[in-house]
Amino acid sequence: MPSPPLTRREYAYFSATGDGSPDIITRVLGEPSQSWAVGDPGPGGPRKFMRWKLESGLDDTEPLEKHIESLLAILEPKSSALQHLMPSYHLTLQCVGYYPASGHGAHFDRDAVRRVASLGLAIDLDFYYVDDPHE
């Protein structure tokens, strides 16, 4: 029996990383989807950096562009708060995709790039090619 076809999975989240506790970022931006502080337990031992993470709220079957739009709608009203955090933390729009081994490309339209840049965010792309439908 042939294997089921692979399904594209894409998502994006906003991440603030740096030293210390995520409490400062929570006070400025609100509650995260997930966070940890330096020294908190992690899969490889104590965490070496702080992370404050905000997910898009969408399912990973939605296109990456929709995840980005959802995050921008949340973050743009908080642009002055992001500017305040920028000198002390790394602020990143993290994009992740799991794709069939046949390949995939990414396109960011001019408006999305402008909006991300105006918030002072870096963009990080983690794309994985999976050839087993059960992974």
Protein backbone atom coordinates (compact mmCIF):
# COMPACT_ATOMS: atom_id res chain seq x y z
CA MET A 1 0.00 0.00 0.00
CA PRO A 2 1.49 3.39 -0.94
CA SER A 3 2.27 5.96 1.75
CA PRO A 4 -0.16 8.84 2.19
CA PRO A 5 0.87 12.09 0.52
CA LEU A 6 2.84 14.54 2.60
CA THR A 7 1.06 17.66 3.80
CA ARG A 8 2.79 21.03 3.85
CA ARG A 9 3.05 22.40 7.36
CA GLU A 10 3.96 26.06 7.90
CA TYR A 11 3.85 28.42 10.83
CA ALA A 12 5.42 31.60 12.12
CA TYR A 13 5.95 33.15 15.51
CA PHE A 14 7.52 36.23 17.04
CA SER A 15 10.48 35.62 19.33
CA ALA A 16 12.38 37.91 21.68
CA THR A 17 15.62 36.43 23.03
CA GLY A 18 18.38 37.70 25.27
CA ASP A 19 19.58 37.56 28.84
CA GLY A 20 17.61 37.31 32.07
CA SER A 21 13.91 36.85 32.59
CA PRO A 22 11.03 37.14 30.09
CA ASP A 23 9.00 39.12 32.67
CA ILE A 24 10.20 42.46 31.28
CA ILE A 25 8.91 41.59 27.82
CA THR A 26 5.63 40.29 29.25
CA ARG A 27 5.11 43.64 31.01
CA VAL A 28 5.66 45.49 27.73
CA LEU A 29 3.96 43.18 25.19
CA GLY A 30 1.53 41.08 27.24
CA GLU A 31 1.28 37.36 27.82
CA PRO A 32 3.41 35.09 25.60
CA SER A 33 2.44 31.75 24.06
CA GLN A 34 5.55 30.34 25.73
CA SER A 35 8.58 31.67 27.60
CA TRP A 36 11.60 30.64 29.59
CA ALA A 37 14.38 32.35 31.51
CA VAL A 38 18.14 31.82 31.57
CA GLY A 39 18.78 28.79 33.76
CA ASP A 40 15.31 27.23 33.37
CA PRO A 41 15.40 23.48 32.64
CA GLY A 42 15.59 22.63 28.95
CA PRO A 43 16.00 19.49 26.83
CA GLY A 44 19.81 19.78 26.87
CA GLY A 45 20.22 21.14 30.39
CA PRO A 46 19.70 24.64 31.77
CA ARG A 47 18.62 27.23 29.19
CA LYS A 48 21.46 29.49 28.10
CA PHE A 49 19.24 32.35 26.94
CA MET A 50 15.80 33.82 27.61
CA ARG A 51 13.01 33.39 25.07
CA TRP A 52 9.61 35.07 24.89
CA LYS A 53 7.48 33.57 22.12
CA LEU A 54 4.20 34.70 20.57
CA GLU A 55 2.48 32.30 18.16
CA SER A 56 0.19 33.40 15.33
CA GLY A 57 -2.80 31.48 16.67
CA LEU A 58 -3.37 29.74 13.33
CA ASP A 59 -3.19 26.05 12.47
CA ASP A 60 -0.01 24.86 10.75
CA THR A 61 -2.02 23.90 7.67
CA GLU A 62 -2.58 27.61 6.93
CA PRO A 63 -0.13 29.27 4.50
CA LEU A 64 2.93 30.97 5.97
CA GLU A 65 1.68 34.33 4.63
CA LYS A 66 -1.42 34.11 6.84
CA HIS A 67 0.69 33.42 9.93
CA ILE A 68 2.84 36.46 9.16
CA GLU A 69 -0.22 38.65 8.60
CA SER A 70 -1.73 37.50 11.89
CA LEU A 71 1.47 38.32 13.79
CA LEU A 72 1.85 41.72 12.13
CA ALA A 73 -1.73 42.59 13.11
CA ILE A 74 -0.81 41.85 16.74
CA LEU A 75 2.64 43.48 16.72
CA GLU A 76 2.09 46.67 14.68
CA PRO A 77 -0.03 48.37 17.38
CA LYS A 78 2.88 47.68 19.75
CA SER A 79 5.59 49.15 17.49
CA SER A 80 6.77 51.74 20.05
CA ALA A 81 7.11 49.00 22.68
CA LEU A 82 9.15 46.92 20.23
CA GLN A 83 11.43 49.90 19.56
CA HIS A 84 11.98 50.19 23.33
CA LEU A 85 12.96 46.49 23.54
CA MET A 86 15.18 46.46 20.47
CA PRO A 87 18.46 47.61 22.03
CA SER A 88 18.40 44.86 24.68
CA TYR A 89 16.80 41.90 22.88
CA HIS A 90 16.92 40.08 19.56
CA LEU A 91 13.46 40.46 17.97
CA THR A 92 12.73 37.90 15.27
CA LEU A 93 9.92 36.82 12.99
CA GLN A 94 10.57 33.08 12.95
CA CYS A 95 9.16 31.18 9.95
CA VAL A 96 9.08 27.37 9.91
CA GLY A 97 8.02 24.97 7.20
CA TYR A 98 7.90 21.21 6.71
CA TYR A 99 7.65 20.27 3.04
CA PRO A 100 7.68 17.25 0.75
CA ALA A 101 11.17 16.45 -0.52
CA SER A 102 10.27 17.78 -3.97
CA GLY A 103 11.16 21.27 -2.75
CA HIS A 104 9.63 24.55 -1.82
CA GLY A 105 10.26 28.23 -2.28
CA ALA A 106 9.29 31.23 -0.20
CA HIS A 107 8.05 34.60 -1.39
CA PHE A 108 7.50 37.67 0.78
CA ASP A 109 5.67 40.49 -0.92
CA ARG A 110 7.03 44.03 -0.72
CA ASP A 111 4.40 45.18 1.77
CA ALA A 112 5.12 42.34 4.23
CA VAL A 113 8.87 43.01 4.04
CA ARG A 114 8.31 46.74 4.62
CA ARG A 115 6.03 46.07 7.60
CA VAL A 116 8.45 43.61 9.22
CA ALA A 117 11.36 46.01 8.66
CA SER A 118 9.43 48.95 10.12
CA LEU A 119 9.07 46.94 13.36
CA GLY A 120 12.82 46.31 13.43
CA LEU A 121 12.45 42.53 13.26
CA ALA A 122 14.91 40.06 11.87
CA ILE A 123 13.50 37.23 9.74
CA ASP A 124 14.66 33.67 10.31
CA LEU A 125 13.63 30.82 8.00
CA ASP A 126 13.77 27.20 9.11
CA PHE A 127 12.59 24.96 6.27
CA TYR A 128 12.72 21.19 6.46
CA TYR A 129 12.20 18.66 3.69
CA VAL A 130 10.50 15.50 4.89
CA ASP A 131 10.16 12.35 2.82
CA ASP A 132 8.32 10.26 5.42
CA PRO A 133 4.61 11.15 5.84
CA HIS A 134 4.77 9.97 9.47
CA GLU A 135 7.44 12.47 10.58
